[in-house]
Amino acid sequence: MVHAWLSDKHNGRWTMVVDNADSYEVMFGSRSGEARTSTVFSTSSSAMASSDRSLSNYLPSSAQGAIVITTRSREVAKGLIECAEDIVDVVPMTSEDKIRETIRLLQELDYMPLAITQAAAYINQLGSRMTLSRYVEMLAKSDLDRERLLKKDIRDS
């Protein structure tokens, strides 16, 4: 049902995120070319049905939508895309990068302990949605943005 809905151009624009698509067998079936059999529970009854379709068969294709796939497997990535240029390698930050970002943040905050504590609490509260780089960019936008950001009521234990 989801595949059909997303494939219908009349339903508007959409984005799907397929996270941790690391297993070739889950995405494409067995390596011998046969799709892996999985058990699916029917919503209309408790009867079980068998499906021999791999997960990649359920990914919709539509000009209205975009699919972002995260994977640690280059083999899976290549099997899911049409153009090799669509693969974006994400490499971990080096210690030097982290130190550089931290120094940049400290400089933006004029090394003021209260501002540093406030920034750290805000970044920690938002978790993976906020990075040092993004926070520094927000600080640098304008004095008004900077003031709003630093005035947020965030508790730090």
N, C-alpha and C. Protein backbone atom coordinates (compact mmCIF):
# COMPACT_ATOMS: atom_id res chain seq x y z
N MET A 1 0.83 -1.19 0.00
CA MET A 1 0.00 0.00 0.00
C MET A 1 0.87 1.26 0.00
N VAL A 2 1.92 1.24 0.82
CA VAL A 2 2.80 2.41 0.88
C VAL A 2 3.49 2.61 -0.47
N HIS A 3 3.98 1.53 -1.07
CA HIS A 3 4.64 1.59 -2.38
C HIS A 3 3.70 2.19 -3.42
N ALA A 4 2.47 1.74 -3.46
CA ALA A 4 1.50 2.24 -4.43
C ALA A 4 1.21 3.72 -4.20
N TRP A 5 1.04 4.11 -2.94
CA TRP A 5 0.74 5.51 -2.63
C TRP A 5 1.90 6.41 -3.05
N LEU A 6 3.13 6.03 -2.71
CA LEU A 6 4.29 6.85 -3.04
C LEU A 6 4.55 6.88 -4.54
N SER A 7 4.16 5.85 -5.25
CA SER A 7 4.36 5.80 -6.71
C SER A 7 3.35 6.65 -7.46
N ASP A 8 2.27 7.04 -6.83
CA ASP A 8 1.23 7.84 -7.46
C ASP A 8 1.61 9.32 -7.42
N LYS A 9 1.84 9.91 -8.60
CA LYS A 9 2.30 11.30 -8.66
C LYS A 9 1.29 12.30 -8.11
N HIS A 10 0.04 11.92 -7.99
CA HIS A 10 -0.99 12.83 -7.48
C HIS A 10 -0.91 13.02 -5.97
N ASN A 11 -0.08 12.24 -5.29
CA ASN A 11 0.01 12.35 -3.84
C ASN A 11 1.07 13.35 -3.38
N GLY A 12 1.69 14.05 -4.30
CA GLY A 12 2.62 15.11 -3.94
C GLY A 12 4.05 14.63 -3.70
N ARG A 13 4.87 15.56 -3.28
CA ARG A 13 6.30 15.30 -3.08
C ARG A 13 6.52 14.58 -1.76
N TRP A 14 7.56 13.75 -1.71
CA TRP A 14 7.88 13.00 -0.50
C TRP A 14 9.36 12.68 -0.47
N THR A 15 9.83 12.36 0.71
CA THR A 15 11.20 11.90 0.92
C THR A 15 11.14 10.69 1.84
N MET A 16 11.87 9.65 1.49
CA MET A 16 11.95 8.45 2.30
C MET A 16 13.40 8.27 2.73
N VAL A 17 13.62 7.88 3.97
CA VAL A 17 14.96 7.58 4.45
C VAL A 17 15.02 6.10 4.79
N VAL A 18 15.94 5.40 4.14
CA VAL A 18 16.19 4.00 4.45
C VAL A 18 17.53 3.98 5.17
N ASP A 19 17.49 3.80 6.48
CA ASP A 19 18.68 3.90 7.31
C ASP A 19 19.26 2.51 7.58
N ASN A 20 20.56 2.41 7.61
CA ASN A 20 21.27 1.16 7.92
C ASN A 20 20.93 0.02 6.95
N ALA A 21 20.90 0.33 5.67
CA ALA A 21 20.66 -0.69 4.65
C ALA A 21 21.98 -1.41 4.37
N ASP A 22 22.45 -2.15 5.35
CA ASP A 22 23.80 -2.73 5.28
C ASP A 22 23.83 -4.16 4.76
N SER A 23 22.73 -4.89 4.81
CA SER A 23 22.73 -6.30 4.45
C SER A 23 22.30 -6.51 3.00
N TYR A 24 23.20 -7.06 2.22
CA TYR A 24 22.91 -7.37 0.82
C TYR A 24 21.73 -8.33 0.73
N GLU A 25 21.71 -9.34 1.58
CA GLU A 25 20.66 -10.35 1.55
C GLU A 25 19.28 -9.75 1.84
N VAL A 26 19.20 -8.83 2.78
CA VAL A 26 17.92 -8.21 3.11
C VAL A 26 17.46 -7.32 1.96
N MET A 27 18.39 -6.58 1.37
CA MET A 27 18.02 -5.65 0.31
C MET A 27 17.70 -6.33 -1.02
N PHE A 28 18.44 -7.41 -1.35
CA PHE A 28 18.31 -8.00 -2.69
C PHE A 28 18.00 -9.49 -2.70
N GLY A 29 17.93 -10.14 -1.58
CA GLY A 29 17.73 -11.58 -1.54
C GLY A 29 19.07 -12.28 -1.48
N SER A 30 19.06 -13.58 -1.66
CA SER A 30 20.31 -14.33 -1.56
C SER A 30 21.23 -13.99 -2.73
N ARG A 31 22.49 -14.17 -2.55
CA ARG A 31 23.48 -13.83 -3.58
C ARG A 31 23.39 -14.73 -4.80
N SER A 32 22.71 -15.87 -4.70
CA SER A 32 22.59 -16.78 -5.83
C SER A 32 21.53 -16.30 -6.81
N GLY A 33 20.88 -15.18 -6.48
CA GLY A 33 19.88 -14.64 -7.38
C GLY A 33 18.46 -14.94 -6.95
N GLU A 34 18.28 -15.86 -6.03
CA GLU A 34 16.95 -16.17 -5.53
C GLU A 34 16.62 -15.22 -4.39
N ALA A 35 15.43 -14.68 -4.43
CA ALA A 35 15.02 -13.78 -3.34
C ALA A 35 14.80 -14.59 -2.08
N ARG A 36 15.13 -14.01 -0.96
CA ARG A 36 14.95 -14.69 0.32
C ARG A 36 13.47 -14.71 0.68
N THR A 37 13.01 -15.80 1.22
CA THR A 37 11.63 -15.91 1.65
C THR A 37 11.51 -15.35 3.04
N SER A 38 10.50 -14.53 3.25
CA SER A 38 10.28 -13.96 4.56
C SER A 38 8.82 -14.15 4.93
N THR A 39 8.53 -14.08 6.21
CA THR A 39 7.17 -14.26 6.69
C THR A 39 6.57 -12.89 6.93
N VAL A 40 5.37 -12.69 6.42
CA VAL A 40 4.66 -11.43 6.56
C VAL A 40 3.34 -11.71 7.26
N PHE A 41 2.97 -10.90 8.25
CA PHE A 41 1.71 -11.07 8.95
C PHE A 41 0.66 -10.22 8.27
N SER A 42 -0.46 -10.82 7.95
CA SER A 42 -1.57 -10.13 7.31
C SER A 42 -2.28 -9.28 8.35
N THR A 43 -2.70 -8.06 7.95
CA THR A 43 -3.42 -7.20 8.89
C THR A 43 -4.88 -7.60 9.00
N SER A 44 -5.40 -8.31 8.01
CA SER A 44 -6.81 -8.68 8.05
C SER A 44 -7.06 -9.92 8.92
N SER A 45 -6.04 -10.73 9.10
CA SER A 45 -6.19 -11.90 9.96
C SER A 45 -4.82 -12.28 10.50
N SER A 46 -4.79 -13.26 11.35
CA SER A 46 -3.51 -13.67 11.90
C SER A 46 -2.82 -14.70 11.02
N ALA A 47 -3.38 -14.95 9.83
CA ALA A 47 -2.77 -15.91 8.91
C ALA A 47 -1.45 -15.36 8.41
N MET A 48 -0.51 -16.25 8.13
CA MET A 48 0.79 -15.82 7.63
C MET A 48 0.85 -16.06 6.13
N ALA A 49 1.51 -15.14 5.43
CA ALA A 49 1.70 -15.30 3.99
C ALA A 49 3.18 -15.29 3.71
N SER A 50 3.58 -15.92 2.66
CA SER A 50 4.98 -15.98 2.30
C SER A 50 5.26 -15.00 1.18
N SER A 51 6.38 -14.34 1.25
CA SER A 51 6.75 -13.37 0.22
C SER A 51 8.17 -13.67 -0.23
N ASP A 52 8.40 -13.64 -1.53
CA ASP A 52 9.75 -13.89 -2.01
C ASP A 52 10.35 -12.63 -2.62
N ARG A 53 9.84 -11.48 -2.24
CA ARG A 53 10.36 -10.22 -2.76
C ARG A 53 11.36 -9.63 -1.77
N SER A 54 12.45 -9.12 -2.30
CA SER A 54 13.45 -8.48 -1.45
C SER A 54 13.01 -7.07 -1.11
N LEU A 55 13.62 -6.48 -0.11
CA LEU A 55 13.24 -5.15 0.34
C LEU A 55 13.39 -4.11 -0.77
N SER A 56 14.40 -4.24 -1.61
CA SER A 56 14.61 -3.26 -2.68
C SER A 56 13.42 -3.22 -3.65
N ASN A 57 12.69 -4.32 -3.78
CA ASN A 57 11.52 -4.34 -4.66
C ASN A 57 10.40 -3.45 -4.13
N TYR A 58 10.43 -3.13 -2.85
CA TYR A 58 9.38 -2.31 -2.26
C TYR A 58 9.71 -0.82 -2.30
N LEU A 59 10.90 -0.46 -2.73
CA LEU A 59 11.27 0.95 -2.82
C LEU A 59 10.61 1.56 -4.05
N PRO A 60 9.81 2.61 -3.86
CA PRO A 60 9.09 3.19 -4.99
C PRO A 60 10.00 4.00 -5.91
N SER A 61 9.57 4.16 -7.13
CA SER A 61 10.28 4.99 -8.08
C SER A 61 9.29 6.04 -8.58
N SER A 62 9.60 7.29 -8.33
CA SER A 62 8.68 8.36 -8.68
C SER A 62 9.45 9.66 -8.82
N ALA A 63 9.07 10.46 -9.81
CA ALA A 63 9.69 11.77 -9.98
C ALA A 63 9.30 12.71 -8.84
N GLN A 64 8.24 12.36 -8.11
CA GLN A 64 7.76 13.17 -7.00
C GLN A 64 8.55 12.93 -5.72
N GLY A 65 9.33 11.86 -5.68
CA GLY A 65 9.96 11.49 -4.43
C GLY A 65 11.45 11.34 -4.52
N ALA A 66 12.05 11.28 -3.34
CA ALA A 66 13.49 11.07 -3.22
C ALA A 66 13.72 10.07 -2.10
N ILE A 67 14.70 9.20 -2.31
CA ILE A 67 15.04 8.22 -1.28
C ILE A 67 16.49 8.45 -0.88
N VAL A 68 16.70 8.65 0.42
CA VAL A 68 18.04 8.78 0.98
C VAL A 68 18.34 7.45 1.65
N ILE A 69 19.44 6.84 1.26
CA ILE A 69 19.79 5.52 1.78
C ILE A 69 21.12 5.63 2.50
N THR A 70 21.17 5.18 3.75
CA THR A 70 22.45 5.13 4.46
C THR A 70 22.86 3.67 4.55
N THR A 71 24.13 3.42 4.26
CA THR A 71 24.65 2.07 4.30
C THR A 71 26.15 2.10 4.51
N ARG A 72 26.66 1.06 5.11
CA ARG A 72 28.12 0.91 5.25
C ARG A 72 28.66 0.05 4.12
N SER A 73 27.77 -0.48 3.28
CA SER A 73 28.15 -1.42 2.23
C SER A 73 28.13 -0.74 0.86
N ARG A 74 29.28 -0.62 0.24
CA ARG A 74 29.35 -0.04 -1.11
C ARG A 74 28.60 -0.93 -2.09
N GLU A 75 28.62 -2.23 -1.87
CA GLU A 75 27.92 -3.18 -2.74
C GLU A 75 26.41 -2.91 -2.72
N VAL A 76 25.86 -2.68 -1.55
CA VAL A 76 24.44 -2.36 -1.43
C VAL A 76 24.16 -1.02 -2.09
N ALA A 77 25.00 -0.03 -1.84
CA ALA A 77 24.81 1.31 -2.42
C ALA A 77 24.78 1.23 -3.94
N LYS A 78 25.72 0.51 -4.52
CA LYS A 78 25.78 0.40 -5.99
C LYS A 78 24.56 -0.31 -6.54
N GLY A 79 24.00 -1.26 -5.78
CA GLY A 79 22.82 -1.98 -6.24
C GLY A 79 21.54 -1.16 -6.16
N LEU A 80 21.55 -0.09 -5.38
CA LEU A 80 20.33 0.69 -5.17
C LEU A 80 20.26 1.98 -5.98
N ILE A 81 21.34 2.34 -6.63
CA ILE A 81 21.36 3.61 -7.35
C ILE A 81 21.56 3.38 -8.84
N GLU A 82 21.27 4.42 -9.63
CA GLU A 82 21.45 4.33 -11.07
C GLU A 82 22.80 4.91 -11.49
N CYS A 83 23.26 5.94 -10.82
CA CYS A 83 24.51 6.61 -11.18
C CYS A 83 25.49 6.57 -10.01
N ALA A 84 26.72 6.18 -10.29
CA ALA A 84 27.74 6.10 -9.23
C ALA A 84 27.98 7.47 -8.60
N GLU A 85 27.71 8.54 -9.33
CA GLU A 85 27.89 9.90 -8.80
C GLU A 85 26.92 10.21 -7.67
N ASP A 86 25.87 9.41 -7.53
CA ASP A 86 24.88 9.64 -6.47
C ASP A 86 25.35 9.16 -5.10
N ILE A 87 26.46 8.43 -5.05
CA ILE A 87 27.00 7.96 -3.78
C ILE A 87 27.79 9.09 -3.14
N VAL A 88 27.46 9.39 -1.89
CA VAL A 88 28.19 10.41 -1.14
C VAL A 88 28.88 9.70 0.01
N ASP A 89 30.21 9.68 -0.03
CA ASP A 89 30.96 9.06 1.05
C ASP A 89 31.01 10.02 2.24
N VAL A 90 30.68 9.50 3.40
CA VAL A 90 30.74 10.29 4.62
C VAL A 90 31.85 9.70 5.47
N VAL A 91 32.85 10.50 5.72
CA VAL A 91 33.98 10.02 6.50
C VAL A 91 33.94 10.65 7.89
N PRO A 92 34.38 9.92 8.89
CA PRO A 92 34.38 10.49 10.24
C PRO A 92 35.35 11.66 10.34
N MET A 93 35.02 12.58 11.22
CA MET A 93 35.91 13.71 11.46
C MET A 93 37.19 13.21 12.12
N THR A 94 38.27 13.83 11.76
CA THR A 94 39.53 13.50 12.43
C THR A 94 39.59 14.29 13.73
N SER A 95 40.52 13.94 14.57
CA SER A 95 40.70 14.68 15.82
C SER A 95 41.03 16.13 15.54
N GLU A 96 41.81 16.36 14.48
CA GLU A 96 42.16 17.75 14.11
C GLU A 96 40.92 18.55 13.74
N ASP A 97 39.99 17.93 12.98
CA ASP A 97 38.75 18.60 12.60
C ASP A 97 37.94 18.97 13.83
N LYS A 98 37.83 18.03 14.76
CA LYS A 98 37.06 18.27 15.98
C LYS A 98 37.67 19.40 16.80
N ILE A 99 38.99 19.40 16.91
CA ILE A 99 39.68 20.45 17.67
C ILE A 99 39.47 21.80 16.99
N ARG A 100 39.58 21.82 15.66
CA ARG A 100 39.40 23.06 14.90
C ARG A 100 37.98 23.61 15.11
N GLU A 101 36.98 22.74 15.06
CA GLU A 101 35.59 23.16 15.26
C GLU A 101 35.38 23.68 16.68
N THR A 102 35.96 23.01 17.65
CA THR A 102 35.82 23.43 19.04
C THR A 102 36.46 24.80 19.25
N ILE A 103 37.63 25.02 18.70
CA ILE A 103 38.30 26.32 18.81
C ILE A 103 37.47 27.41 18.15
N ARG A 104 36.90 27.09 16.99
CA ARG A 104 36.05 28.06 16.28
C ARG A 104 34.85 28.45 17.14
N LEU A 105 34.24 27.46 17.81
CA LEU A 105 33.10 27.73 18.68
C LEU A 105 33.52 28.61 19.86
N LEU A 106 34.64 28.27 20.49
CA LEU A 106 35.12 29.05 21.63
C LEU A 106 35.40 30.49 21.23
N GLN A 107 35.98 30.68 20.05
CA GLN A 107 36.26 32.03 19.57
C GLN A 107 34.97 32.81 19.33
N GLU A 108 33.97 32.15 18.72
CA GLU A 108 32.67 32.80 18.47
C GLU A 108 32.00 33.22 19.77
N LEU A 109 32.24 32.44 20.83
CA LEU A 109 31.63 32.74 22.13
C LEU A 109 32.53 33.60 23.01
N ASP A 110 33.61 34.12 22.44
CA ASP A 110 34.55 34.98 23.16
C ASP A 110 35.07 34.34 24.43
N TYR A 111 35.16 33.02 24.46
CA TYR A 111 35.70 32.25 25.58
C TYR A 111 34.96 32.50 26.90
N MET A 112 33.68 32.93 26.81
CA MET A 112 32.89 33.22 28.02
C MET A 112 32.30 31.92 28.56
N PRO A 113 32.65 31.56 29.81
CA PRO A 113 32.20 30.27 30.38
C PRO A 113 30.69 30.06 30.34
N LEU A 114 29.90 31.07 30.67
CA LEU A 114 28.45 30.91 30.67
C LEU A 114 27.93 30.64 29.26
N ALA A 115 28.46 31.35 28.27
CA ALA A 115 28.05 31.15 26.89
C ALA A 115 28.45 29.75 26.40
N ILE A 116 29.63 29.30 26.81
CA ILE A 116 30.11 27.96 26.43
C ILE A 116 29.21 26.89 27.03
N THR A 117 28.85 27.05 28.30
CA THR A 117 27.96 26.11 28.97
C THR A 117 26.60 26.08 28.29
N GLN A 118 26.09 27.27 27.97
CA GLN A 118 24.79 27.39 27.28
C GLN A 118 24.84 26.69 25.92
N ALA A 119 25.90 26.91 25.16
CA ALA A 119 26.04 26.29 23.85
C ALA A 119 26.13 24.77 23.97
N ALA A 120 26.92 24.29 24.92
CA ALA A 120 27.08 22.84 25.11
C ALA A 120 25.75 22.20 25.49
N ALA A 121 24.99 22.86 26.37
CA ALA A 121 23.69 22.31 26.78
C ALA A 121 22.73 22.25 25.59
N TYR A 122 22.74 23.29 24.78
CA TYR A 122 21.87 23.34 23.60
C TYR A 122 22.24 22.24 22.60
N ILE A 123 23.52 22.11 22.32
CA ILE A 123 24.00 21.09 21.38
C ILE A 123 23.68 19.69 21.91
N ASN A 124 23.90 19.46 23.20
CA ASN A 124 23.58 18.16 23.80
C ASN A 124 22.09 17.86 23.77
N GLN A 125 21.28 18.88 24.01
CA GLN A 125 19.83 18.68 24.02
C GLN A 125 19.32 18.25 22.65
N LEU A 126 19.87 18.82 21.59
CA LEU A 126 19.40 18.49 20.25
C LEU A 126 20.05 17.22 19.70
N GLY A 127 21.09 16.74 20.36
CA GLY A 127 21.71 15.48 19.97
C GLY A 127 22.24 15.52 18.55
N SER A 128 21.90 14.50 17.76
CA SER A 128 22.43 14.36 16.41
C SER A 128 21.89 15.41 15.45
N ARG A 129 20.87 16.17 15.86
CA ARG A 129 20.33 17.21 14.98
C ARG A 129 21.16 18.49 15.01
N MET A 130 22.16 18.55 15.91
CA MET A 130 22.97 19.76 16.02
C MET A 130 24.44 19.37 16.10
N THR A 131 25.25 20.00 15.29
CA THR A 131 26.69 19.79 15.32
C THR A 131 27.37 21.09 15.72
N LEU A 132 28.63 20.98 16.07
CA LEU A 132 29.40 22.20 16.39
C LEU A 132 29.40 23.14 15.21
N SER A 133 29.64 22.60 14.01
CA SER A 133 29.70 23.43 12.80
C SER A 133 28.39 24.18 12.58
N ARG A 134 27.29 23.46 12.72
CA ARG A 134 25.99 24.09 12.50
C ARG A 134 25.71 25.16 13.54
N TYR A 135 26.08 24.89 14.79
CA TYR A 135 25.87 25.88 15.85
C TYR A 135 26.69 27.14 15.57
N VAL A 136 27.94 26.96 15.16
CA VAL A 136 28.79 28.12 14.85
C VAL A 136 28.20 28.92 13.69
N GLU A 137 27.68 28.23 12.69
CA GLU A 137 27.04 28.92 11.56
C GLU A 137 25.84 29.73 12.03
N MET A 138 25.06 29.17 12.94
CA MET A 138 23.90 29.88 13.47
C MET A 138 24.34 31.11 14.26
N LEU A 139 25.41 30.98 15.01
CA LEU A 139 25.93 32.11 15.78
C LEU A 139 26.40 33.24 14.87
N ALA A 140 26.99 32.87 13.74
CA ALA A 140 27.62 33.84 12.86
C ALA A 140 26.62 34.56 11.95
N LYS A 141 25.37 34.12 11.89
CA LYS A 141 24.40 34.71 10.96
C LYS A 141 24.23 36.21 11.19
N SER A 142 23.81 36.59 12.38
CA SER A 142 23.60 38.00 12.70
C SER A 142 23.60 38.14 14.22
N ASP A 143 23.74 39.37 14.66
CA ASP A 143 23.72 39.63 16.10
C ASP A 143 22.38 39.24 16.71
N LEU A 144 21.30 39.45 15.96
CA LEU A 144 19.97 39.11 16.46
C LEU A 144 19.83 37.59 16.61
N ASP A 145 20.30 36.84 15.61
CA ASP A 145 20.26 35.38 15.70
C ASP A 145 21.11 34.88 16.85
N ARG A 146 22.27 35.50 17.00
CA ARG A 146 23.20 35.12 18.08
C ARG A 146 22.54 35.34 19.44
N GLU A 147 21.89 36.50 19.59
CA GLU A 147 21.23 36.84 20.85
C GLU A 147 20.10 35.85 21.15
N ARG A 148 19.28 35.54 20.12
CA ARG A 148 18.18 34.58 20.30
C ARG A 148 18.69 33.21 20.71
N LEU A 149 19.77 32.79 20.08
CA LEU A 149 20.33 31.47 20.36
C LEU A 149 20.86 31.39 21.78
N LEU A 150 21.54 32.40 22.22
CA LEU A 150 22.14 32.39 23.56
C LEU A 150 21.12 32.67 24.66
N LYS A 151 19.94 33.18 24.31
CA LYS A 151 18.91 33.45 25.30
C LYS A 151 17.98 32.26 25.51
N LYS A 152 18.14 31.19 24.75
CA LYS A 152 17.28 30.01 24.91
C LYS A 152 17.40 29.50 26.32
N ASP A 153 16.26 29.18 26.93
CA ASP A 153 16.23 28.69 28.30
C ASP A 153 16.51 27.19 28.30
N ILE A 154 17.78 26.86 28.48
CA ILE A 154 18.19 25.47 28.47
C ILE A 154 18.85 25.16 29.80
N ARG A 155 18.38 24.12 30.40
CA ARG A 155 18.92 23.71 31.70
C ARG A 155 20.14 22.84 31.49
N ASP A 156 21.16 23.07 32.26
CA ASP A 156 22.36 22.24 32.21
C ASP A 156 22.66 21.77 33.62
N SER A 157 22.59 20.47 33.81
CA SER A 157 22.79 19.93 35.15
C SER A 157 24.25 20.08 35.58
